[in-house]
Amino acid sequence: MTDSYFKHHVFFCTNQREDGAKCCMDFDAQGMRDYAKKKIKALDLNGQGKIRINSAGCMDRCAEGPVLVVYPEAVWYTYVDQEDIDEIIREHLQNGRVVERLKVPG
């Protein structure tokens, strides 16, 4: 069995729909992803064996957006603001506790 390169891999949907349909970019998904990436770096939690923050195209959960997913646990979250992102970082990524109030049902 091999260890994963990253302890956690976080994907933010940053898709922008051209047809005007609801999408994660309507909720500043790119700005929130950038905020999370900067916060992870400031906490020295980025890099091999730690946490990676990435952008993703459409993850087909537009109605529940904005969304992000944390692997390897495959926990889906929605968020409203930077405080929600801070809570996901603190609780899930640093302390291993799922943030139930932000979790998107599977």
PDB file of N, CA and C in Angstrom:
ATOM      1  N   MET A   1       0.844  -1.177   0.000  1.00  0.00           N
ATOM      2  CA  MET A   1       0.000   0.000   0.000  1.00  0.00           C
ATOM      3  C   MET A   1       0.889   1.241   0.000  1.00  0.00           C
ATOM      4  N   THR A   2       0.565   2.208  -0.860  1.00  0.00           N
ATOM      5  CA  THR A   2       1.347   3.433  -0.918  1.00  0.00           C
ATOM      6  C   THR A   2       0.574   4.585  -0.296  1.00  0.00           C
ATOM      7  N   ASP A   3       1.309   5.490   0.283  1.00  0.00           N
ATOM      8  CA  ASP A   3       0.689   6.674   0.855  1.00  0.00           C
ATOM      9  C   ASP A   3       0.384   7.669  -0.255  1.00  0.00           C
ATOM     10  N   SER A   4      -0.652   8.445  -0.055  1.00  0.00           N
ATOM     11  CA  SER A   4      -0.998   9.488  -0.994  1.00  0.00           C
ATOM     12  C   SER A   4       0.057  10.597  -0.929  1.00  0.00           C
ATOM     13  N   TYR A   5       0.293  11.257  -2.029  1.00  0.00           N
ATOM     14  CA  TYR A   5       1.266  12.347  -2.080  1.00  0.00           C
ATOM     15  C   TYR A   5       0.850  13.477  -1.142  1.00  0.00           C
ATOM     16  N   PHE A   6      -0.468  13.757  -1.114  1.00  0.00           N
ATOM     17  CA  PHE A   6      -1.011  14.778  -0.218  1.00  0.00           C
ATOM     18  C   PHE A   6      -1.881  14.114   0.841  1.00  0.00           C
ATOM     19  N   LYS A   7      -1.859  14.641   2.044  1.00  0.00           N
ATOM     20  CA  LYS A   7      -2.755  14.146   3.090  1.00  0.00           C
ATOM     21  C   LYS A   7      -4.201  14.473   2.718  1.00  0.00           C
ATOM     22  N   HIS A   8      -4.422  15.690   2.236  1.00  0.00           N
ATOM     23  CA  HIS A   8      -5.740  16.123   1.772  1.00  0.00           C
ATOM     24  C   HIS A   8      -5.579  16.839   0.439  1.00  0.00           C
ATOM     25  N   HIS A   9      -6.495  16.564  -0.463  1.00  0.00           N
ATOM     26  CA  HIS A   9      -6.543  17.239  -1.757  1.00  0.00           C
ATOM     27  C   HIS A   9      -7.918  17.866  -1.846  1.00  0.00           C
ATOM     28  N   VAL A  10      -7.970  19.187  -1.966  1.00  0.00           N
ATOM     29  CA  VAL A  10      -9.225  19.933  -1.950  1.00  0.00           C
ATOM     30  C   VAL A  10      -9.470  20.529  -3.331  1.00  0.00           C
ATOM     31  N   PHE A  11     -10.623  20.205  -3.892  1.00  0.00           N
ATOM     32  CA  PHE A  11     -11.004  20.722  -5.204  1.00  0.00           C
ATOM     33  C   PHE A  11     -12.178  21.685  -5.063  1.00  0.00           C
ATOM     34  N   PHE A  12     -11.993  22.900  -5.523  1.00  0.00           N
ATOM     35  CA  PHE A  12     -13.055  23.902  -5.584  1.00  0.00           C
ATOM     36  C   PHE A  12     -13.616  23.915  -6.994  1.00  0.00           C
ATOM     37  N   CYS A  13     -14.927  23.765  -7.136  1.00  0.00           N
ATOM     38  CA  CYS A  13     -15.533  23.961  -8.449  1.00  0.00           C
ATOM     39  C   CYS A  13     -15.435  25.449  -8.765  1.00  0.00           C
ATOM     40  N   THR A  14     -14.803  25.775  -9.883  1.00  0.00           N
ATOM     41  CA  THR A  14     -14.697  27.164 -10.325  1.00  0.00           C
ATOM     42  C   THR A  14     -15.284  27.317 -11.729  1.00  0.00           C
ATOM     43  N   ASN A  15     -16.253  26.471 -12.026  1.00  0.00           N
ATOM     44  CA  ASN A  15     -16.860  26.487 -13.348  1.00  0.00           C
ATOM     45  C   ASN A  15     -17.718  27.728 -13.557  1.00  0.00           C
ATOM     46  N   GLN A  16     -17.647  28.275 -14.761  1.00  0.00           N
ATOM     47  CA  GLN A  16     -18.500  29.393 -15.172  1.00  0.00           C
ATOM     48  C   GLN A  16     -19.347  28.933 -16.342  1.00  0.00           C
ATOM     49  N   ARG A  17     -20.649  28.889 -16.160  1.00  0.00           N
ATOM     50  CA  ARG A  17     -21.551  28.490 -17.245  1.00  0.00           C
ATOM     51  C   ARG A  17     -21.828  29.688 -18.148  1.00  0.00           C
ATOM     52  N   GLU A  18     -21.784  29.441 -19.428  1.00  0.00           N
ATOM     53  CA  GLU A  18     -22.001  30.500 -20.413  1.00  0.00           C
ATOM     54  C   GLU A  18     -23.481  30.756 -20.676  1.00  0.00           C
ATOM     55  N   ASP A  19     -24.342  29.791 -20.356  1.00  0.00           N
ATOM     56  CA  ASP A  19     -25.765  29.916 -20.688  1.00  0.00           C
ATOM     57  C   ASP A  19     -26.580  30.614 -19.608  1.00  0.00           C
ATOM     58  N   GLY A  20     -25.923  31.110 -18.562  1.00  0.00           N
ATOM     59  CA  GLY A  20     -26.633  31.809 -17.499  1.00  0.00           C
ATOM     60  C   GLY A  20     -27.190  30.900 -16.418  1.00  0.00           C
ATOM     61  N   ALA A  21     -27.015  29.579 -16.566  1.00  0.00           N
ATOM     62  CA  ALA A  21     -27.484  28.639 -15.544  1.00  0.00           C
ATOM     63  C   ALA A  21     -26.649  28.812 -14.279  1.00  0.00           C
ATOM     64  N   LYS A  22     -27.230  28.449 -13.140  1.00  0.00           N
ATOM     65  CA  LYS A  22     -26.546  28.560 -11.850  1.00  0.00           C
ATOM     66  C   LYS A  22     -25.218  27.812 -11.888  1.00  0.00           C
ATOM     67  N   CYS A  23     -24.190  28.439 -11.334  1.00  0.00           N
ATOM     68  CA  CYS A  23     -22.881  27.798 -11.285  1.00  0.00           C
ATOM     69  C   CYS A  23     -22.094  28.341 -10.102  1.00  0.00           C
ATOM     70  N   CYS A  24     -21.038  27.653  -9.757  1.00  0.00           N
ATOM     71  CA  CYS A  24     -20.256  28.017  -8.574  1.00  0.00           C
ATOM     72  C   CYS A  24     -19.586  29.380  -8.704  1.00  0.00           C
ATOM     73  N   MET A  25     -19.213  29.768  -9.896  1.00  0.00           N
ATOM     74  CA  MET A  25     -18.564  31.067 -10.066  1.00  0.00           C
ATOM     75  C   MET A  25     -19.510  32.225  -9.754  1.00  0.00           C
ATOM     76  N   ASP A  26     -20.815  31.966  -9.718  1.00  0.00           N
ATOM     77  CA  ASP A  26     -21.772  33.003  -9.307  1.00  0.00           C
ATOM     78  C   ASP A  26     -21.556  33.391  -7.848  1.00  0.00           C
ATOM     79  N   PHE A  27     -20.820  32.578  -7.111  1.00  0.00           N
ATOM     80  CA  PHE A  27     -20.600  32.776  -5.675  1.00  0.00           C
ATOM     81  C   PHE A  27     -19.132  33.048  -5.357  1.00  0.00           C
ATOM     82  N   ASP A  28     -18.395  33.622  -6.313  1.00  0.00           N
ATOM     83  CA  ASP A  28     -16.979  33.951  -6.123  1.00  0.00           C
ATOM     84  C   ASP A  28     -16.142  32.730  -5.762  1.00  0.00           C
ATOM     85  N   ALA A  29     -16.408  31.626  -6.434  1.00  0.00           N
ATOM     86  CA  ALA A  29     -15.674  30.387  -6.154  1.00  0.00           C
ATOM     87  C   ALA A  29     -14.171  30.553  -6.363  1.00  0.00           C
ATOM     88  N   GLN A  30     -13.765  31.276  -7.396  1.00  0.00           N
ATOM     89  CA  GLN A  30     -12.327  31.465  -7.637  1.00  0.00           C
ATOM     90  C   GLN A  30     -11.697  32.272  -6.505  1.00  0.00           C
ATOM     91  N   GLY A  31     -12.378  33.299  -6.046  1.00  0.00           N
ATOM     92  CA  GLY A  31     -11.871  34.098  -4.939  1.00  0.00           C
ATOM     93  C   GLY A  31     -11.755  33.285  -3.662  1.00  0.00           C
ATOM     94  N   MET A  32     -12.733  32.418  -3.429  1.00  0.00           N
ATOM     95  CA  MET A  32     -12.692  31.575  -2.231  1.00  0.00           C
ATOM     96  C   MET A  32     -11.585  30.529  -2.336  1.00  0.00           C
ATOM     97  N   ARG A  33     -11.387  29.990  -3.511  1.00  0.00           N
ATOM     98  CA  ARG A  33     -10.295  29.030  -3.730  1.00  0.00           C
ATOM     99  C   ARG A  33      -8.955  29.721  -3.507  1.00  0.00           C
ATOM    100  N   ASP A  34      -8.813  30.930  -4.038  1.00  0.00           N
ATOM    101  CA  ASP A  34      -7.573  31.685  -3.856  1.00  0.00           C
ATOM    102  C   ASP A  34      -7.338  31.985  -2.371  1.00  0.00           C
ATOM    103  N   TYR A  35      -8.405  32.333  -1.662  1.00  0.00           N
ATOM    104  CA  TYR A  35      -8.313  32.594  -0.222  1.00  0.00           C
ATOM    105  C   TYR A  35      -7.831  31.340   0.511  1.00  0.00           C
ATOM    106  N   ALA A  36      -8.434  30.190   0.205  1.00  0.00           N
ATOM    107  CA  ALA A  36      -8.053  28.934   0.861  1.00  0.00           C
ATOM    108  C   ALA A  36      -6.598  28.592   0.578  1.00  0.00           C
ATOM    109  N   LYS A  37      -6.173  28.767  -0.662  1.00  0.00           N
ATOM    110  CA  LYS A  37      -4.787  28.453  -1.036  1.00  0.00           C
ATOM    111  C   LYS A  37      -3.812  29.334  -0.247  1.00  0.00           C
ATOM    112  N   LYS A  38      -4.120  30.628  -0.166  1.00  0.00           N
ATOM    113  CA  LYS A  38      -3.269  31.558   0.569  1.00  0.00           C
ATOM    114  C   LYS A  38      -3.247  31.224   2.067  1.00  0.00           C
ATOM    115  N   LYS A  39      -4.389  30.867   2.600  1.00  0.00           N
ATOM    116  CA  LYS A  39      -4.487  30.528   4.028  1.00  0.00           C
ATOM    117  C   LYS A  39      -3.678  29.265   4.339  1.00  0.00           C
ATOM    118  N   ILE A  40      -3.789  28.243   3.485  1.00  0.00           N
ATOM    119  CA  ILE A  40      -3.035  26.996   3.674  1.00  0.00           C
ATOM    120  C   ILE A  40      -1.536  27.278   3.631  1.00  0.00           C
ATOM    121  N   LYS A  41      -1.108  28.133   2.708  1.00  0.00           N
ATOM    122  CA  LYS A  41       0.319  28.490   2.639  1.00  0.00           C
ATOM    123  C   LYS A  41       0.750  29.254   3.881  1.00  0.00           C
ATOM    124  N   ALA A  42      -0.076  30.186   4.347  1.00  0.00           N
ATOM    125  CA  ALA A  42       0.252  30.980   5.539  1.00  0.00           C
ATOM    126  C   ALA A  42       0.382  30.094   6.777  1.00  0.00           C
ATOM    127  N   LEU A  43      -0.395  29.020   6.817  1.00  0.00           N
ATOM    128  CA  LEU A  43      -0.337  28.079   7.943  1.00  0.00           C
ATOM    129  C   LEU A  43       0.757  27.025   7.766  1.00  0.00           C
ATOM    130  N   ASP A  44       1.493  27.117   6.658  1.00  0.00           N
ATOM    131  CA  ASP A  44       2.548  26.149   6.313  1.00  0.00           C
ATOM    132  C   ASP A  44       1.991  24.729   6.245  1.00  0.00           C
ATOM    133  N   LEU A  45       0.815  24.618   5.629  1.00  0.00           N
ATOM    134  CA  LEU A  45       0.170  23.315   5.475  1.00  0.00           C
ATOM    135  C   LEU A  45       0.187  22.826   4.032  1.00  0.00           C
ATOM    136  N   ASN A  46       0.912  23.524   3.163  1.00  0.00           N
ATOM    137  CA  ASN A  46       0.961  23.128   1.755  1.00  0.00           C
ATOM    138  C   ASN A  46       2.198  22.291   1.470  1.00  0.00           C
ATOM    139  N   GLY A  47       2.093  21.472   0.436  1.00  0.00           N
ATOM    140  CA  GLY A  47       3.237  20.682   0.008  1.00  0.00           C
ATOM    141  C   GLY A  47       3.038  19.199   0.237  1.00  0.00           C
ATOM    142  N   GLN A  48       4.040  18.440  -0.156  1.00  0.00           N
ATOM    143  CA  GLN A  48       3.984  16.984  -0.052  1.00  0.00           C
ATOM    144  C   GLN A  48       3.685  16.552   1.370  1.00  0.00           C
ATOM    145  N   GLY A  49       2.746  15.604   1.487  1.00  0.00           N
ATOM    146  CA  GLY A  49       2.368  15.091   2.790  1.00  0.00           C
ATOM    147  C   GLY A  49       1.418  15.997   3.544  1.00  0.00           C
ATOM    148  N   LYS A  50       1.051  17.108   2.929  1.00  0.00           N
ATOM    149  CA  LYS A  50       0.183  18.083   3.593  1.00  0.00           C
ATOM    150  C   LYS A  50      -1.095  18.283   2.771  1.00  0.00           C
ATOM    151  N   ILE A  51      -1.383  19.519   2.393  1.00  0.00           N
ATOM    152  CA  ILE A  51      -2.652  19.850   1.745  1.00  0.00           C
ATOM    153  C   ILE A  51      -2.411  20.535   0.410  1.00  0.00           C
ATOM    154  N   ARG A  52      -3.216  20.170  -0.564  1.00  0.00           N
ATOM    155  CA  ARG A  52      -3.173  20.795  -1.880  1.00  0.00           C
ATOM    156  C   ARG A  52      -4.552  21.362  -2.187  1.00  0.00           C
ATOM    157  N   ILE A  53      -4.615  22.629  -2.589  1.00  0.00           N
ATOM    158  CA  ILE A  53      -5.855  23.288  -2.987  1.00  0.00           C
ATOM    159  C   ILE A  53      -5.823  23.426  -4.500  1.00  0.00           C
ATOM    160  N   ASN A  54      -6.879  22.955  -5.176  1.00  0.00           N
ATOM    161  CA  ASN A  54      -6.954  23.015  -6.630  1.00  0.00           C
ATOM    162  C   ASN A  54      -8.292  23.541  -7.108  1.00  0.00           C
ATOM    163  N   SER A  55      -8.294  24.023  -8.335  1.00  0.00           N
ATOM    164  CA  SER A  55      -9.524  24.380  -9.037  1.00  0.00           C
ATOM    165  C   SER A  55      -9.991  23.172  -9.825  1.00  0.00           C
ATOM    166  N   ALA A  56     -11.287  23.067  -9.998  1.00  0.00           N
ATOM    167  CA  ALA A  56     -11.865  22.003 -10.826  1.00  0.00           C
ATOM    168  C   ALA A  56     -12.905  22.627 -11.744  1.00  0.00           C
ATOM    169  N   GLY A  57     -13.145  21.971 -12.844  1.00  0.00           N
ATOM    170  CA  GLY A  57     -14.248  22.359 -13.699  1.00  0.00           C
ATOM    171  C   GLY A  57     -15.543  21.912 -13.044  1.00  0.00           C
ATOM    172  N   CYS A  58     -16.582  21.880 -13.817  1.00  0.00           N
ATOM    173  CA  CYS A  58     -17.891  21.509 -13.281  1.00  0.00           C
ATOM    174  C   CYS A  58     -17.839  20.125 -12.637  1.00  0.00           C
ATOM    175  N   MET A  59     -18.346  20.060 -11.406  1.00  0.00           N
ATOM    176  CA  MET A  59     -18.397  18.787 -10.695  1.00  0.00           C
ATOM    177  C   MET A  59     -19.830  18.270 -10.619  1.00  0.00           C
ATOM    178  N   ASP A  60     -20.714  18.874 -11.398  1.00  0.00           N
ATOM    179  CA  ASP A  60     -22.091  18.424 -11.592  1.00  0.00           C
ATOM    180  C   ASP A  60     -22.924  18.434 -10.312  1.00  0.00           C
ATOM    181  N   ARG A  61     -22.665  19.410  -9.451  1.00  0.00           N
ATOM    182  CA  ARG A  61     -23.483  19.579  -8.245  1.00  0.00           C
ATOM    183  C   ARG A  61     -23.902  21.046  -8.143  1.00  0.00           C
ATOM    184  N   CYS A  62     -24.212  21.625  -9.290  1.00  0.00           N
ATOM    185  CA  CYS A  62     -24.488  23.052  -9.408  1.00  0.00           C
ATOM    186  C   CYS A  62     -25.607  23.524  -8.476  1.00  0.00           C
ATOM    187  N   ALA A  63     -26.639  22.728  -8.321  1.00  0.00           N
ATOM    188  CA  ALA A  63     -27.783  23.127  -7.498  1.00  0.00           C
ATOM    189  C   ALA A  63     -27.412  23.249  -6.030  1.00  0.00           C
ATOM    190  N   GLU A  64     -26.292  22.646  -5.626  1.00  0.00           N
ATOM    191  CA  GLU A  64     -25.867  22.670  -4.234  1.00  0.00           C
ATOM    192  C   GLU A  64     -24.704  23.632  -4.008  1.00  0.00           C
ATOM    193  N   GLY A  65     -24.343  24.351  -5.059  1.00  0.00           N
ATOM    194  CA  GLY A  65     -23.153  25.173  -5.031  1.00  0.00           C
ATOM    195  C   GLY A  65     -23.284  26.451  -4.240  1.00  0.00           C
ATOM    196  N   PRO A  66     -22.132  27.041  -3.999  1.00  0.00           N
ATOM    197  CA  PRO A  66     -20.823  26.590  -4.459  1.00  0.00           C
ATOM    198  C   PRO A  66     -20.361  25.354  -3.685  1.00  0.00           C
ATOM    199  N   VAL A  67     -19.547  24.547  -4.333  1.00  0.00           N
ATOM    200  CA  VAL A  67     -19.096  23.316  -3.701  1.00  0.00           C
ATOM    201  C   VAL A  67     -17.584  23.161  -3.779  1.00  0.00           C
ATOM    202  N   LEU A  68     -17.087  22.392  -2.810  1.00  0.00           N
ATOM    203  CA  LEU A  68     -15.712  21.907  -2.831  1.00  0.00           C
ATOM    204  C   LEU A  68     -15.768  20.490  -2.300  1.00  0.00           C
ATOM    205  N   VAL A  69     -14.753  19.710  -2.628  1.00  0.00           N
ATOM    206  CA  VAL A  69     -14.690  18.329  -2.145  1.00  0.00           C
ATOM    207  C   VAL A  69     -13.288  18.075  -1.598  1.00  0.00           C
ATOM    208  N   VAL A  70     -13.239  17.373  -0.469  1.00  0.00           N
ATOM    209  CA  VAL A  70     -11.977  17.048   0.201  1.00  0.00           C
ATOM    210  C   VAL A  70     -11.720  15.555   0.034  1.00  0.00           C
ATOM    211  N   TYR A  71     -10.560  15.227  -0.553  1.00  0.00           N
ATOM    212  CA  TYR A  71     -10.119  13.844  -0.677  1.00  0.00           C
ATOM    213  C   TYR A  71      -8.930  13.623   0.228  1.00  0.00           C
ATOM    214  N   PRO A  72      -8.732  12.427   0.758  1.00  0.00           N
ATOM    215  CA  PRO A  72      -9.286  11.166   0.275  1.00  0.00           C
ATOM    216  C   PRO A  72     -10.649  10.811   0.866  1.00  0.00           C
ATOM    217  N   GLU A  73     -11.177  11.631   1.763  1.00  0.00           N
ATOM    218  CA  GLU A  73     -12.431  11.283   2.431  1.00  0.00           C
ATOM    219  C   GLU A  73     -13.656  11.413   1.523  1.00  0.00           C
ATOM    220  N   ALA A  74     -13.539  12.161   0.435  1.00  0.00           N
ATOM    221  CA  ALA A  74     -14.650  12.422  -0.493  1.00  0.00           C
ATOM    222  C   ALA A  74     -15.820  13.098   0.225  1.00  0.00           C
ATOM    223  N   VAL A  75     -15.487  14.087   1.056  1.00  0.00           N
ATOM    224  CA  VAL A  75     -16.510  14.867   1.756  1.00  0.00           C
ATOM    225  C   VAL A  75     -16.762  16.135   0.954  1.00  0.00           C
ATOM    226  N   TRP A  76     -18.039  16.343   0.618  1.00  0.00           N
ATOM    227  CA  TRP A  76     -18.462  17.513  -0.147  1.00  0.00           C
ATOM    228  C   TRP A  76     -18.972  18.584   0.795  1.00  0.00           C
ATOM    229  N   TYR A  77     -18.566  19.832   0.511  1.00  0.00           N
ATOM    230  CA  TYR A  77     -19.007  20.971   1.298  1.00  0.00           C
ATOM    231  C   TYR A  77     -19.560  22.074   0.400  1.00  0.00           C
ATOM    232  N   THR A  78     -20.444  22.860   0.985  1.00  0.00           N
ATOM    233  CA  THR A  78     -20.823  24.132   0.411  1.00  0.00           C
ATOM    234  C   THR A  78     -20.322  25.197   1.378  1.00  0.00           C
ATOM    235  N   TYR A  79     -20.317  26.452   0.953  1.00  0.00           N
ATOM    236  CA  TYR A  79     -19.801  27.532   1.795  1.00  0.00           C
ATOM    237  C   TYR A  79     -20.438  28.839   1.362  1.00  0.00           C
ATOM    238  N   VAL A  80     -20.389  29.817   2.268  1.00  0.00           N
ATOM    239  CA  VAL A  80     -20.942  31.133   1.974  1.00  0.00           C
ATOM    240  C   VAL A  80     -19.847  32.194   1.963  1.00  0.00           C
ATOM    241  N   ASP A  81     -18.902  32.088   2.905  1.00  0.00           N
ATOM    242  CA  ASP A  81     -17.919  33.154   3.064  1.00  0.00           C
ATOM    243  C   ASP A  81     -16.588  32.594   3.569  1.00  0.00           C
ATOM    244  N   GLN A  82     -15.649  33.504   3.810  1.00  0.00           N
ATOM    245  CA  GLN A  82     -14.323  33.096   4.257  1.00  0.00           C
ATOM    246  C   GLN A  82     -14.364  32.412   5.622  1.00  0.00           C
ATOM    247  N   GLU A  83     -15.321  32.781   6.455  1.00  0.00           N
ATOM    248  CA  GLU A  83     -15.442  32.131   7.756  1.00  0.00           C
ATOM    249  C   GLU A  83     -15.765  30.646   7.597  1.00  0.00           C
ATOM    250  N   ASP A  84     -16.598  30.315   6.597  1.00  0.00           N
ATOM    251  CA  ASP A  84     -16.885  28.902   6.320  1.00  0.00           C
ATOM    252  C   ASP A  84     -15.629  28.174   5.856  1.00  0.00           C
ATOM    253  N   ILE A  85     -14.848  28.820   4.995  1.00  0.00           N
ATOM    254  CA  ILE A  85     -13.597  28.217   4.517  1.00  0.00           C
ATOM    255  C   ILE A  85     -12.643  28.018   5.693  1.00  0.00           C
ATOM    256  N   ASP A  86     -12.545  29.027   6.567  1.00  0.00           N
ATOM    257  CA  ASP A  86     -11.692  28.907   7.756  1.00  0.00           C
ATOM    258  C   ASP A  86     -12.117  27.725   8.621  1.00  0.00           C
ATOM    259  N   GLU A  87     -13.428  27.538   8.765  1.00  0.00           N
ATOM    260  CA  GLU A  87     -13.937  26.433   9.587  1.00  0.00           C
ATOM    261  C   GLU A  87     -13.594  25.080   8.968  1.00  0.00           C
ATOM    262  N   ILE A  88     -13.723  24.965   7.652  1.00  0.00           N
ATOM    263  CA  ILE A  88     -13.361  23.716   6.964  1.00  0.00           C
ATOM    264  C   ILE A  88     -11.869  23.434   7.137  1.00  0.00           C
ATOM    265  N   ILE A  89     -11.048  24.467   6.993  1.00  0.00           N
ATOM    266  CA  ILE A  89      -9.601  24.291   7.168  1.00  0.00           C
ATOM    267  C   ILE A  89      -9.297  23.859   8.601  1.00  0.00           C
ATOM    268  N   ARG A  90      -9.821  24.582   9.563  1.00  0.00           N
ATOM    269  CA  ARG A  90      -9.531  24.309  10.976  1.00  0.00           C
ATOM    270  C   ARG A  90     -10.067  22.943  11.416  1.00  0.00           C
ATOM    271  N   GLU A  91     -11.329  22.707  11.150  1.00  0.00           N
ATOM    272  CA  GLU A  91     -11.970  21.497  11.665  1.00  0.00           C
ATOM    273  C   GLU A  91     -11.595  20.250  10.862  1.00  0.00           C
ATOM    274  N   HIS A  92     -11.800  20.296   9.546  1.00  0.00           N
ATOM    275  CA  HIS A  92     -11.580  19.088   8.739  1.00  0.00           C
ATOM    276  C   HIS A  92     -10.100  18.880   8.417  1.00  0.00           C
ATOM    277  N   LEU A  93      -9.481  19.880   7.824  1.00  0.00           N
ATOM    278  CA  LEU A  93      -8.123  19.681   7.327  1.00  0.00           C
ATOM    279  C   LEU A  93      -7.086  19.617   8.437  1.00  0.00           C
ATOM    280  N   GLN A  94      -7.271  20.383   9.496  1.00  0.00           N
ATOM    281  CA  GLN A  94      -6.293  20.365  10.580  1.00  0.00           C
ATOM    282  C   GLN A  94      -6.638  19.369  11.681  1.00  0.00           C
ATOM    283  N   ASN A  95      -7.933  19.203  11.976  1.00  0.00           N
ATOM    284  CA  ASN A  95      -8.317  18.392  13.126  1.00  0.00           C
ATOM    285  C   ASN A  95      -9.092  17.122  12.781  1.00  0.00           C
ATOM    286  N   GLY A  96      -9.333  16.882  11.499  1.00  0.00           N
ATOM    287  CA  GLY A  96      -9.962  15.626  11.088  1.00  0.00           C
ATOM    288  C   GLY A  96     -11.430  15.479  11.431  1.00  0.00           C
ATOM    289  N   ARG A  97     -12.113  16.595  11.677  1.00  0.00           N
ATOM    290  CA  ARG A  97     -13.540  16.551  12.015  1.00  0.00           C
ATOM    291  C   ARG A  97     -14.364  17.135  10.881  1.00  0.00           C
ATOM    292  N   VAL A  98     -15.315  16.354  10.378  1.00  0.00           N
ATOM    293  CA  VAL A  98     -16.202  16.825   9.313  1.00  0.00           C
ATOM    294  C   VAL A  98     -17.071  17.955   9.853  1.00  0.00           C
ATOM    295  N   VAL A  99     -17.217  19.000   9.050  1.00  0.00           N
ATOM    296  CA  VAL A  99     -18.061  20.141   9.417  1.00  0.00           C
ATOM    297  C   VAL A  99     -19.475  19.834   8.928  1.00  0.00           C
ATOM    298  N   GLU A 100     -20.245  19.227   9.795  1.00  0.00           N
ATOM    299  CA  GLU A 100     -21.572  18.729   9.415  1.00  0.00           C
ATOM    300  C   GLU A 100     -22.499  19.818   8.878  1.00  0.00           C
ATOM    301  N   ARG A 101     -22.436  21.021   9.431  1.00  0.00           N
ATOM    302  CA  ARG A 101     -23.357  22.056   9.012  1.00  0.00           C
ATOM    303  C   ARG A 101     -23.108  22.527   7.569  1.00  0.00           C
ATOM    304  N   LEU A 102     -21.918  22.287   7.049  1.00  0.00           N
ATOM    305  CA  LEU A 102     -21.575  22.692   5.676  1.00  0.00           C
ATOM    306  C   LEU A 102     -21.543  21.520   4.703  1.00  0.00           C
ATOM    307  N   LYS A 103     -21.695  20.325   5.214  1.00  0.00           N
ATOM    308  CA  LYS A 103     -21.602  19.117   4.384  1.00  0.00           C
ATOM    309  C   LYS A 103     -22.785  19.021   3.428  1.00  0.00           C
ATOM    310  N   VAL A 104     -22.468  18.696   2.184  1.00  0.00           N
ATOM    311  CA  VAL A 104     -23.492  18.447   1.168  1.00  0.00           C
ATOM    312  C   VAL A 104     -23.833  16.974   1.232  1.00  0.00           C
ATOM    313  N   PRO A 105     -25.107  16.624   1.355  1.00  0.00           N
ATOM    314  CA  PRO A 105     -25.462  15.198   1.422  1.00  0.00           C
ATOM    315  C   PRO A 105     -24.962  14.423   0.205  1.00  0.00           C
ATOM    316  N   GLY A 106     -24.493  13.203   0.463  1.00  0.00           N
ATOM    317  CA  GLY A 106     -23.968  12.347  -0.592  1.00  0.00           C
ATOM    318  C   GLY A 106     -25.024  11.721  -1.347  1.00  0.00           C
TER     319      GLY A 106
END
